[in-house]
Protein backbone atom coordinates (compact mmCIF):
# COMPACT_ATOMS: atom_id res chain seq x y z
CA MET A 1 54.26 11.78 -133.92
CA GLY A 2 54.90 12.52 -130.40
CA ARG A 3 58.49 11.32 -128.84
CA ASN A 4 57.77 7.51 -127.61
CA THR A 5 61.26 6.57 -126.43
CA ARG A 6 60.92 4.01 -123.66
CA LYS A 7 63.27 2.41 -120.99
CA ARG A 8 63.10 -1.30 -121.45
CA ARG A 9 61.59 -3.14 -118.54
CA SER A 10 63.13 -6.41 -117.60
CA SER A 11 61.50 -9.34 -119.27
CA MET A 12 58.68 -11.11 -117.70
CA ALA A 13 58.93 -14.05 -119.78
CA THR A 14 59.02 -17.71 -118.16
CA LYS A 15 59.16 -20.67 -120.31
CA ALA A 16 55.60 -22.19 -120.80
CA ILE A 17 55.41 -25.82 -120.07
CA ALA A 18 52.10 -27.50 -121.37
CA ALA A 19 50.84 -28.65 -118.31
CA SER A 20 51.18 -25.12 -116.50
CA ALA A 21 49.04 -22.03 -116.49
CA ALA A 22 51.98 -19.88 -116.90
CA LEU A 23 51.85 -16.71 -118.69
CA ALA A 24 54.82 -16.01 -121.05
CA LEU A 25 56.22 -13.73 -123.58
CA GLY A 26 55.58 -15.25 -127.11
CA GLY A 27 56.47 -13.03 -129.90
CA GLY A 28 56.70 -10.04 -127.56
CA GLY A 29 52.74 -10.61 -126.41
CA LEU A 30 51.29 -12.00 -123.30
CA ILE A 31 49.90 -15.58 -124.13
CA TRP A 32 48.62 -18.24 -121.95
CA ALA A 33 49.71 -21.61 -121.93
CA ASN A 34 47.18 -24.14 -122.46
CA PHE A 35 44.60 -24.04 -119.47
CA TYR A 36 42.56 -26.29 -120.94
CA ALA A 37 44.50 -29.32 -121.78
CA SER A 38 43.22 -32.84 -121.06
CA ALA A 39 42.35 -33.69 -117.58
CA HIS A 40 44.29 -36.71 -117.68
CA GLU A 41 47.55 -34.90 -118.31
CA SER A 42 49.51 -33.77 -115.05
CA ASN A 43 52.22 -31.63 -114.42
CA ASN A 44 55.74 -32.11 -112.76
CA ASN A 45 54.13 -31.57 -109.28
CA GLY A 46 51.36 -34.22 -109.92
CA TRP A 47 48.71 -31.62 -110.24
CA SER A 48 46.37 -32.05 -113.10
CA GLN A 49 45.27 -29.56 -115.56
CA ASN A 50 41.96 -28.95 -114.00
CA GLN A 51 43.49 -28.48 -110.49
CA THR A 52 46.06 -25.84 -111.88
CA LYS A 53 43.20 -24.28 -113.52
CA ALA A 54 41.18 -24.16 -110.63
CA ALA A 55 44.06 -22.74 -108.23
CA ALA A 56 45.15 -20.58 -110.55
CA ALA A 57 41.55 -19.07 -111.33
CA GLN A 58 41.01 -17.95 -107.80
CA VAL A 59 43.31 -14.90 -108.19
CA ALA A 60 42.62 -13.06 -111.28
CA THR A 61 43.98 -9.67 -110.70
CA ILE A 62 45.58 -6.84 -108.01
CA SER A 63 43.63 -4.26 -106.58
CA CYS A 64 45.49 -1.18 -105.10
CA PRO A 65 44.06 2.02 -103.81
CA ASP A 66 44.36 4.80 -105.98
CA VAL A 67 46.47 7.35 -104.05
CA GLY A 68 46.33 9.69 -106.79
CA GLN A 69 42.52 10.08 -106.36
CA LYS A 70 43.15 11.23 -102.62
CA LEU A 71 45.69 13.70 -103.42
CA THR A 72 43.39 16.97 -103.53
CA ASN A 73 45.91 19.42 -102.30
CA VAL A 74 49.41 19.24 -103.60
CA PRO A 75 51.17 22.75 -104.00
CA GLN A 76 52.11 23.53 -107.27
CA ASN A 77 55.90 23.29 -106.77
CA ALA A 78 55.54 19.60 -105.91
CA ARG A 79 53.14 18.56 -108.78
CA GLN A 80 55.72 17.13 -110.92
CA GLY A 81 57.45 15.20 -108.18
CA VAL A 82 54.62 14.00 -106.96
CA ALA A 83 53.18 12.91 -110.67
CA THR A 84 56.51 10.94 -111.00
CA GLU A 85 55.95 9.14 -107.81
CA LEU A 86 52.39 8.14 -108.83
CA ALA A 87 53.60 7.02 -112.20
CA ASN A 88 55.89 4.85 -110.14
CA LEU A 89 53.03 3.26 -108.24
CA ASP A 90 51.25 2.56 -111.56
CA LYS A 91 54.60 0.83 -112.83
CA GLN A 92 54.96 -1.23 -109.38
CA ILE A 93 51.30 -2.48 -109.99
CA THR A 94 51.70 -3.35 -113.53
CA GLU A 95 55.05 -5.32 -112.90
CA ALA A 96 53.50 -7.20 -109.95
CA TYR A 97 50.48 -8.04 -112.07
CA ALA A 98 53.05 -9.43 -114.58
CA ARG A 99 54.55 -11.73 -111.77
CA LEU A 100 50.80 -12.68 -110.58
CA ALA A 101 50.00 -13.80 -114.05
CA SER A 102 53.42 -15.45 -114.72
CA THR A 103 53.68 -17.67 -111.47
CA ARG A 104 50.20 -19.70 -111.76
CA GLN A 105 51.98 -22.76 -111.23
CA ALA A 106 53.79 -21.77 -108.12
CA GLN A 107 50.47 -20.38 -106.84
CA ALA A 108 48.68 -23.72 -107.45
CA GLY A 109 51.51 -25.48 -105.20
CA ASP A 110 51.71 -22.81 -102.08
CA SER A 111 48.84 -20.90 -100.87
CA GLY A 112 51.12 -18.28 -99.49
CA PHE A 113 52.92 -17.63 -102.59
CA VAL A 114 50.83 -14.76 -103.66
CA GLN A 115 51.09 -13.01 -100.36
CA ASN A 116 54.60 -13.46 -99.50
CA ALA A 117 55.98 -13.35 -103.23
CA ILE A 118 53.87 -10.46 -105.10
CA VAL A 119 51.45 -8.81 -102.52
CA GLY A 120 53.95 -8.33 -99.54
CA PRO A 121 56.75 -6.97 -101.54
CA LEU A 122 54.56 -4.67 -103.34
CA LYS A 123 53.42 -3.24 -100.15
CA GLU A 124 56.87 -2.34 -99.37
CA LYS A 125 57.74 -0.57 -102.42
CA ARG A 126 54.46 1.22 -102.23
CA ALA A 127 55.19 2.51 -98.77
CA ALA A 128 58.52 3.79 -99.76
CA THR A 129 56.97 5.50 -102.70
CA ILE A 130 54.11 7.03 -100.64
CA ASP A 131 56.67 8.18 -98.28
CA ARG A 132 58.25 10.09 -101.24
CA ILE A 133 55.28 11.81 -101.79
CA ARG A 134 55.15 12.90 -98.45
CA ILE A 135 58.58 14.34 -98.79
CA ASP A 136 57.81 16.23 -101.81
CA ILE A 137 54.82 17.83 -100.53
CA GLN A 138 56.21 18.83 -97.18
CA ARG A 139 59.73 20.03 -98.74
CA VAL A 140 57.60 23.09 -100.23
CA GLY A 141 55.45 23.53 -97.26
CA GLY A 142 52.55 21.77 -98.35
CA GLN A 143 50.26 19.77 -95.66
CA PHE A 144 50.40 15.90 -96.24
CA ASN A 145 47.39 13.80 -94.95
CA THR A 146 49.26 11.05 -93.09
CA SER A 147 46.17 8.62 -93.55
CA LEU A 148 47.64 8.07 -97.05
CA SER A 149 50.50 5.90 -95.66
CA GLN A 150 47.50 3.59 -94.83
CA LEU A 151 47.08 3.10 -98.62
CA ALA A 152 50.04 1.07 -99.30
CA ALA A 153 48.58 -2.27 -99.06
CA CYS A 154 46.91 -4.07 -101.89
CA THR A 155 44.54 -7.06 -102.39
CA THR A 156 43.88 -9.66 -104.96
CA GLN A 157 40.51 -10.21 -106.38
CA ASN A 158 39.09 -12.70 -109.14
CA ALA A 159 37.83 -11.79 -112.44
CA GLN A 160 33.92 -11.62 -111.37
CA THR A 161 34.53 -9.34 -108.66
CA ASN A 162 35.01 -5.32 -108.96
CA ALA A 163 36.54 -5.00 -105.54
CA GLY A 164 36.20 -1.49 -105.28
CA GLN A 165 32.71 -0.96 -107.05
CA ASN A 166 29.97 1.14 -105.12
CA ASN A 167 27.04 2.89 -106.22
CA GLY A 168 25.31 -0.36 -106.81
CA GLY A 169 27.14 -1.01 -110.05
CA GLN A 170 25.90 2.52 -111.36
CA GLN A 171 28.24 5.42 -112.39
CA GLN A 172 28.35 9.29 -112.53
CA ASN A 173 27.79 10.32 -116.37
CA GLY A 174 26.71 13.97 -117.14
CA GLY A 175 24.99 14.13 -113.65
CA GLN A 176 22.79 11.43 -114.38
CA GLN A 177 22.78 8.17 -112.61
CA GLN A 178 22.45 5.03 -114.86
CA ASN A 179 22.31 1.26 -114.72
CA GLY A 180 25.68 -0.03 -114.94
CA GLY A 181 25.40 -2.59 -117.55
CA GLN A 182 21.96 -4.21 -117.06
CA GLN A 183 23.30 -6.49 -114.44
CA GLN A 184 20.51 -9.34 -113.73
CA ASN A 185 20.38 -12.55 -112.07
CA GLY A 186 23.02 -12.28 -109.45
CA GLY A 187 25.63 -10.57 -111.85
CA GLN A 188 25.04 -13.03 -114.65
CA GLN A 189 23.65 -12.21 -117.86
CA ASN A 190 22.18 -14.00 -120.90
CA ASN A 191 24.56 -13.16 -123.93
CA GLY A 192 23.29 -14.46 -127.00
CA GLY A 193 21.71 -17.33 -125.05
CA GLN A 194 24.82 -18.49 -123.21
CA GLN A 195 24.87 -18.05 -119.28
CA ASN A 196 28.57 -17.11 -118.82
CA GLY A 197 28.69 -15.83 -115.64
CA GLY A 198 30.61 -18.70 -114.26
CA GLN A 199 33.10 -18.62 -117.19
CA GLN A 200 35.52 -16.13 -116.27
CA ASN A 201 38.22 -18.67 -115.82
CA GLY A 202 40.52 -16.29 -113.62
CA GLY A 203 40.43 -13.57 -116.30
CA GLN A 204 41.88 -15.80 -119.01
CA GLN A 205 40.48 -17.87 -122.11
CA GLN A 206 41.33 -19.09 -125.30
CA GLY A 207 39.74 -18.31 -128.69
CA ASN A 208 40.78 -14.76 -129.11
CA GLY A 209 43.42 -15.19 -131.65
CA GLY A 210 45.82 -16.88 -129.35
CA GLN A 211 46.37 -13.54 -127.72
CA GLY A 212 44.18 -12.15 -124.81
CA GLY A 213 45.95 -13.28 -121.76
CA ASN A 214 44.36 -10.86 -119.41
CA GLY A 215 40.91 -10.60 -120.94
CA PRO A 216 38.40 -9.54 -122.27
CA VAL A 217 36.26 -12.62 -121.43
CA ALA A 218 32.98 -13.99 -122.59
CA ALA A 219 31.08 -12.25 -119.64
CA ASP A 220 32.31 -8.83 -120.95
CA PHE A 221 30.18 -9.07 -124.01
CA VAL A 222 26.45 -8.76 -124.45
CA ASP A 223 24.12 -9.23 -127.91
CA ILE A 224 22.69 -5.63 -127.78
CA THR A 225 19.36 -6.98 -129.48
CA LYS A 226 18.78 -8.87 -126.20
CA VAL A 227 19.29 -5.94 -123.65
CA GLN A 228 16.46 -3.99 -122.71
CA GLY A 229 16.18 -0.56 -123.56
CA ASN A 230 17.81 1.73 -121.13
CA ALA A 231 19.19 4.81 -122.64
CA GLN A 232 18.08 8.44 -121.61
CA LEU A 233 17.21 10.48 -124.58
CA GLY A 234 19.10 13.89 -124.68
CA VAL A 235 21.89 12.97 -122.57
CA GLY A 236 24.38 13.02 -125.11
CA GLN A 237 23.33 9.90 -127.36
CA ASN A 238 24.26 10.47 -131.05
CA GLY A 239 25.46 13.91 -130.38
CA LEU A 240 21.74 15.08 -129.39
CA PRO A 241 22.05 18.20 -127.21
CA ALA A 242 21.93 17.63 -123.42
CA ASN A 243 20.21 21.10 -122.67
CA GLY A 244 16.57 20.42 -123.39
CA ASN A 245 14.34 23.39 -124.47
CA SER A 246 16.03 26.16 -122.52
CA GLY A 247 19.21 27.21 -121.57
CA SER A 248 22.01 28.03 -123.97
CA ARG A 249 20.97 25.49 -127.03
CA GLY A 250 23.25 25.99 -129.48
CA THR A 251 26.33 23.74 -130.81
CA PHE A 252 29.66 23.78 -131.96
CA THR A 253 31.29 20.89 -134.07
CA THR A 254 35.18 20.65 -134.80
CA LYS A 255 36.27 18.04 -137.53
CA CYS A 256 39.51 16.73 -136.53
CA GLY A 257 39.68 13.58 -138.24
CA THR A 258 39.88 9.87 -137.06
CA ASN A 259 43.82 9.60 -136.58
CA ALA A 260 44.54 8.65 -140.21
CA ASN A 261 48.00 9.56 -139.58
CA LYS A 262 48.44 7.01 -136.61
CA ASN A 263 49.45 9.50 -134.02
CA HIS A 264 50.14 7.41 -130.90
CA ASN A 265 51.86 7.17 -127.88
CA THR A 266 51.49 5.24 -124.50
CA ASP A 267 52.31 8.63 -122.55
CA ASN A 268 49.65 10.97 -120.68
CA VAL A 269 50.72 14.22 -120.20
CA ILE A 270 47.82 15.09 -117.69
CA VAL A 271 48.15 12.56 -115.34
CA ALA A 272 51.93 11.53 -115.70
CA PRO A 273 54.00 14.56 -117.39
CA GLY A 274 57.31 14.02 -118.07
CA VAL A 275 56.92 10.20 -117.51
CA ALA A 276 57.50 7.84 -120.68
CA ASN A 277 54.54 5.11 -120.93
CA GLY A 278 52.77 6.67 -117.74
CA ALA A 279 49.50 5.29 -119.39
CA HIS A 280 50.74 1.88 -119.85
CA HIS A 281 48.34 1.92 -122.57
CA LEU A 282 48.25 3.32 -126.12
CA HIS A 283 45.96 6.39 -127.09
CA ASP A 284 44.69 7.68 -130.27
CA TYR A 285 45.14 11.21 -130.64
CA VAL A 286 43.39 13.87 -132.66
CA GLY A 287 43.90 17.52 -132.94
CA ASN A 288 47.03 18.55 -131.43
CA GLN A 289 49.98 16.87 -132.98
CA ASN A 290 52.51 17.53 -130.29
CA ASN A 291 51.06 15.67 -127.24
CA ASP A 292 53.42 13.45 -125.58
CA ALA A 293 54.62 13.25 -121.84
CA PHE A 294 57.48 15.70 -122.44
CA ALA A 295 54.98 18.49 -123.93
CA SER A 296 54.92 21.94 -122.28
CA ASP A 297 51.81 24.23 -122.83
CA GLN A 298 53.91 26.47 -125.19
CA GLU A 299 54.60 23.42 -127.12
CA LEU A 300 50.98 22.36 -127.52
CA ALA A 301 50.02 25.90 -128.20
CA GLY A 302 52.48 26.08 -130.97
CA ALA A 303 51.86 22.76 -132.68
CA SER A 304 49.98 21.81 -135.74
CA THR A 305 46.51 20.36 -135.58
CA THR A 306 44.44 17.77 -137.60
CA CYS A 307 41.30 19.99 -137.06
CA GLN A 308 39.83 21.83 -140.19
CA ASN A 309 39.39 24.76 -138.16
CA GLN A 310 43.02 25.80 -137.39
CA GLY A 311 41.65 28.04 -134.54
CA ASP A 312 41.41 24.51 -132.70
CA LYS A 313 44.71 22.97 -131.48
CA SER A 314 43.01 21.27 -128.52
CA SER A 315 44.17 17.77 -127.81
CA TYR A 316 41.58 14.97 -127.73
CA PHE A 317 42.92 11.41 -127.03
CA TRP A 318 41.45 8.23 -125.89
CA PRO A 319 42.64 4.49 -125.64
CA VAL A 320 42.93 2.61 -128.81
CA LEU A 321 40.36 0.05 -129.62
CA ARG A 322 41.83 -3.36 -130.68
CA LEU A 323 40.56 -6.56 -132.38
CA GLN A 324 42.31 -9.53 -130.79
CA ASN A 325 42.48 -11.70 -134.13
CA GLY A 326 45.79 -12.88 -133.70
CA THR A 327 47.30 -9.76 -135.55
CA GLN A 328 50.37 -8.58 -134.22
CA ASP A 329 50.45 -4.64 -134.75
CA PHE A 330 53.61 -2.32 -134.58
CA ASP A 331 53.87 -2.07 -130.64
CA GLN A 332 53.43 -5.92 -130.18
CA ASN A 333 56.93 -5.72 -128.45
CA ASN A 334 56.67 -2.63 -126.60
CA ASP A 335 55.90 -1.41 -123.12
CA GLY A 336 52.35 -0.20 -123.08
CA GLY A 337 51.52 -2.75 -126.12
CA GLY A 338 52.07 -6.26 -126.18
CA LYS A 339 54.30 -6.40 -123.20
CA GLU A 340 51.69 -5.22 -121.12
CA GLY A 341 48.77 -7.25 -122.65
CA ASN A 342 47.54 -4.79 -124.99
CA VAL A 343 47.46 -6.90 -128.10
CA GLY A 344 45.84 -7.10 -131.50
CA LYS A 345 44.94 -4.94 -134.45
CA ILE A 346 44.66 -1.31 -133.52
CA LEU A 347 41.04 -0.35 -135.03
CA GLN A 348 40.71 3.21 -136.60
CA ALA A 349 37.64 4.75 -135.97
CA SER A 350 35.34 5.41 -139.12
CA GLN A 351 33.80 8.45 -137.41
CA ALA A 352 35.12 10.78 -134.81
CA GLN A 353 32.40 13.20 -133.59
CA ILE A 354 33.65 16.37 -131.44
CA LYS A 355 30.73 18.68 -130.66
CA PHE A 356 30.39 21.18 -127.91
CA VAL A 357 27.02 21.84 -126.31
CA GLY A 358 25.23 24.42 -123.68
CA ASN A 359 23.82 24.09 -120.31
CA LYS A 360 19.86 23.60 -119.85
CA LYS A 361 19.82 26.42 -117.39
CA GLY A 362 21.63 29.09 -118.96
CA ASN A 363 24.57 30.71 -120.70
CA VAL A 364 28.23 29.19 -120.76
CA VAL A 365 31.39 30.87 -120.03
CA ALA A 366 34.60 30.23 -122.23
CA MET A 367 36.98 27.45 -121.14
CA PRO A 368 40.57 28.82 -120.24
CA THR A 369 43.22 28.02 -122.29
CA ALA A 370 45.07 24.63 -121.47
CA LEU A 371 42.29 23.64 -119.14
CA ARG A 372 42.80 19.85 -118.74
CA ILE A 373 39.76 17.48 -118.23
CA ILE A 374 39.87 13.75 -118.06
CA THR A 375 36.49 11.98 -117.90
CA GLY A 376 35.93 8.22 -117.04
CA ASP A 377 38.52 6.06 -115.10
CA ALA A 378 41.15 4.01 -116.62
CA LYS A 379 41.11 1.78 -113.52
CA ALA A 380 37.42 1.40 -112.67
CA PHE A 381 37.68 -2.38 -112.68
CA VAL A 382 39.79 -2.07 -109.43
CA ASN A 383 38.81 1.45 -108.39
CA GLY A 384 34.92 0.95 -108.67
CA ASN A 385 32.54 3.24 -110.47
CA ALA A 386 32.70 6.43 -108.75
CA ASN A 387 34.46 7.91 -111.73
CA ALA A 388 33.42 5.63 -114.29
CA ASN A 389 31.86 7.30 -117.45
CA VAL A 390 31.33 4.90 -120.12
CA ASN A 391 28.82 4.35 -122.94
CA TRP A 392 28.89 1.61 -125.37
CA SER A 393 26.20 1.01 -127.92
CA CYS A 394 25.76 0.02 -131.54
CA THR A 395 24.44 2.24 -134.25
CA GLY A 396 20.74 2.18 -134.68
CA PHE A 397 20.64 1.34 -130.96
CA GLU A 398 21.93 4.56 -129.27
CA ASN A 399 18.63 6.02 -128.49
CA LYS A 400 17.70 2.87 -126.88
CA VAL A 401 20.73 1.13 -125.16
CA GLN A 402 23.49 2.44 -123.62
CA LEU A 403 26.04 -0.16 -121.73
CA HIS A 404 28.66 0.75 -119.00
CA ASP A 405 30.00 -2.50 -118.22
CA LYS A 406 29.78 -4.71 -121.31
CA TYR A 407 30.89 -4.51 -124.51
CA PRO A 408 27.90 -4.61 -127.30
CA ILE A 409 27.71 -7.57 -130.07
CA CYS A 410 26.30 -5.51 -132.81
CA PRO A 411 23.92 -7.24 -135.49
CA GLN A 412 24.89 -7.39 -138.95
CA GLY A 413 25.19 -4.04 -140.62
CA SER A 414 25.67 -2.26 -137.08
CA GLN A 415 28.97 -0.43 -135.81
CA VAL A 416 30.19 -0.21 -132.30
CA VAL A 417 29.72 3.17 -130.85
CA ARG A 418 31.88 4.64 -127.93
CA THR A 419 30.05 8.10 -126.46
CA THR A 420 31.63 10.15 -123.85
CA ASP A 421 30.08 13.21 -122.16
CA PHE A 422 32.40 15.63 -120.30
CA GLN A 423 32.17 17.58 -117.13
CA SER A 424 30.75 20.71 -117.94
CA CYS A 425 31.15 22.68 -114.84
CA TRP A 426 34.29 24.59 -113.79
CA ASP A 427 35.69 26.11 -110.83
CA GLY A 428 36.40 29.38 -112.44
CA GLN A 429 40.42 29.58 -111.40
CA ASN A 430 42.16 26.38 -112.21
CA ILE A 431 43.07 24.56 -115.43
CA ASP A 432 44.12 21.49 -113.39
CA SER A 433 43.85 20.10 -109.91
CA ALA A 434 46.08 17.64 -108.06
CA ASN A 435 43.74 14.58 -108.75
CA HIS A 436 42.82 16.15 -112.37
CA ARG A 437 39.34 16.23 -111.13
CA THR A 438 38.01 18.46 -108.52
CA HIS A 439 38.48 21.59 -110.76
CA VAL A 440 35.60 20.71 -112.97
CA SER A 441 32.52 18.72 -112.20
CA PHE A 442 29.26 17.49 -113.79
CA VAL A 443 25.94 19.27 -113.94
CA GLN A 444 23.53 18.73 -111.19
CA ALA A 445 20.19 16.91 -112.04
CA ASP A 446 18.57 20.08 -112.60
CA GLY A 447 21.42 21.36 -114.83
CA THR A 448 22.87 23.67 -112.45
CA CYS A 449 26.59 23.64 -111.48
CA ALA A 450 27.21 23.24 -107.61
CA ASN A 451 29.46 25.20 -105.33
CA GLY A 452 29.93 28.17 -107.45
CA PHE A 453 31.32 26.54 -110.35
CA LYS A 454 30.54 28.19 -113.80
CA ALA A 455 28.85 26.42 -116.84
CA ILE A 456 31.31 25.68 -120.00
CA PRO A 457 30.49 24.08 -123.10
CA GLN A 458 30.24 20.49 -122.59
CA LEU A 459 32.59 18.45 -124.95
CA GLN A 460 30.54 15.31 -126.52
CA VAL A 461 32.82 12.73 -128.25
CA ARG A 462 31.37 9.71 -130.35
CA LEU A 463 33.59 7.50 -131.63
CA VAL A 464 31.89 4.65 -134.46
CA TYR A 465 34.23 1.59 -135.40
CA ASN A 466 33.62 -1.16 -137.84
CA VAL A 467 34.34 -4.33 -135.68
CA PRO A 468 33.75 -7.81 -136.77
CA ALA A 469 31.15 -9.26 -134.39
CA PRO A 470 32.63 -11.51 -131.53
CA LYS A 471 31.23 -14.95 -131.13
CA LEU A 472 30.23 -16.68 -127.92
CA GLN A 473 31.17 -20.43 -127.79
CA ASN A 474 31.02 -22.81 -124.67
CA GLY A 475 31.76 -19.91 -122.34
CA THR A 476 34.45 -18.11 -124.31
CA VAL A 477 34.61 -15.62 -127.00
CA VAL A 478 36.03 -15.80 -130.31
CA ASN A 479 37.99 -12.76 -131.64
CA PRO A 480 36.70 -10.18 -129.09
CA TYR A 481 37.63 -6.58 -129.30
CA ALA A 482 38.55 -4.30 -126.44
CA VAL A 483 40.13 -1.16 -125.38
CA ASP A 484 43.46 -0.95 -124.16
CA THR A 485 44.04 -0.78 -120.17
CA PHE A 486 46.27 -1.06 -117.35
CA PRO A 487 47.06 -4.64 -117.48
CA GLU A 488 45.62 -5.16 -114.06
CA ASN A 489 42.16 -4.02 -115.33
CA LEU A 490 41.80 -6.98 -117.64
CA HIS A 491 40.41 -4.84 -120.62
CA LYS A 492 37.03 -4.40 -118.90
CA PRO A 493 34.71 -2.06 -120.96
CA ILE A 494 34.07 -0.17 -117.71
CA THR A 495 37.58 1.22 -118.08
CA ASP A 496 37.20 3.24 -121.11
CA HIS A 497 37.90 7.04 -120.72
CA ASN A 498 38.57 10.14 -122.63
CA ASP A 499 40.96 13.02 -122.24
CA PHE A 500 40.84 16.74 -123.41
CA ILE A 501 43.42 19.59 -123.38
CA ASN A 502 41.83 23.12 -124.59
CA PHE A 503 43.83 24.96 -126.93
CA PHE A 504 41.34 26.76 -128.86
CA SER A 505 42.47 30.24 -130.12
CA GLN A 506 40.50 32.97 -128.00
CA ASN A 507 38.64 34.07 -131.04
CA THR A 508 37.43 30.57 -131.75
CA MET A 509 36.66 29.93 -128.15
CA ASN A 510 34.76 33.02 -128.06
CA LYS A 511 32.77 32.06 -131.21
CA MET A 512 32.01 28.81 -129.76
CA VAL A 513 30.56 30.51 -126.75
CA ASN A 514 28.46 32.95 -128.74
CA CYS A 515 27.05 30.17 -131.04
CA ILE A 516 25.99 28.12 -128.27
CA ASN A 517 24.49 31.06 -125.90
CA THR A 518 22.68 32.28 -129.03
CA GLY A 519 21.21 28.88 -130.09
CA LYS A 520 23.15 28.58 -133.33
CA ASN A 521 24.83 25.45 -134.81
CA CYS A 522 28.32 26.50 -135.86
CA GLN A 523 31.54 24.74 -136.83
């Protein structure tokens, strides 16, 4: 629906040779050459397959400081230029990751290859880009924090390590700290009876339709029937009100469909306005039908909507979920799709429930038109969990188990569920902020908003999918599913996220607020 033209990126392809662990472009997709050939075979450099595999597994991905999250004070007149440069930083990382993944044989033969050929040049490019951000800010009279220049350097990490992880593996979720995925036994977990914590293989594997390339791996999945219950009732599971027995107890539900008309693009008008493929992964869009990187607020306000209530032209969008079963979907050869490791059959949700609830301490106020909220972090695997906001479960288990850094394997007859509770405190002034986060916040533990923020209706999105259950076999996963991600984040479940731009009509927003504050259930 939205414009999706793309500037073609230079090819990442290298010809795969059977004995190398090289990444190649095959049919447009990222495909690992045979990592697991006989240990008796050797490549042209005399390395056995197992030696090459071991060397390549030492480095799985690239971790770069998130400059955008540190930019909390960017003058309005500089924001477009800064957004463009931040998108350049993302592009530089994805290109460096592609080089990292396609040069495994060279890495195995040269211990300095990654630093000299990938990480070092990346630092130079990032330093120049950060300096352009400085110029953009200072040109309009803004103040640039010189410490940001120190964020040019990147590191590498293996697939088992969340280099940026903090909060002890926990995450922020609706003001509640929840355990990040039930990690046990030193980070290993028994997934359906198989210990797989040591089976990451540098983030690569077989058994996923011949595609995966950069995840997910077996350790990203867990049999939900074997996970101890951890869900907190009344914190959004299955759309349950998060406001207890007091405060504003009503709800407002909007029905906007499940993207049956296949409105997709790899843009993100919130974080990368004016930049094609700014997300580097594919989004589902429901509601507003004009959302792409180039849409102005005026265009969004005048767009058509898939919502039954025509007073709701808001844009709701999230990364697609794919089944990696060997299917080549429409974007197999596209930037943001197969060219960047997002491969397999795109799954349409069987249900997309969109609900707004109140605040357990008091009334809510209307959201301003064009308010933007992003929740979760598409880069949480390398950024750490500070902004992660992920809930994975299965139908029939939502009031028992909510997972954060694992994909659930659901029993027969049960469906995969993604639930997201958005920030519900607003600063009362801004529809966005420089890092797209500081103008909104989660409620505190007692339900109140800190720092003079105002309570607004809390958006809760619940997505349900019919997903064939993956199988764990000998430390690998067969036919996995995964959310689209920035390629260097290896399709980890912790990277799930959700986006919202408010374009309710004033009359419909007033109706929502009245319903919530008077305890009614409306739609």
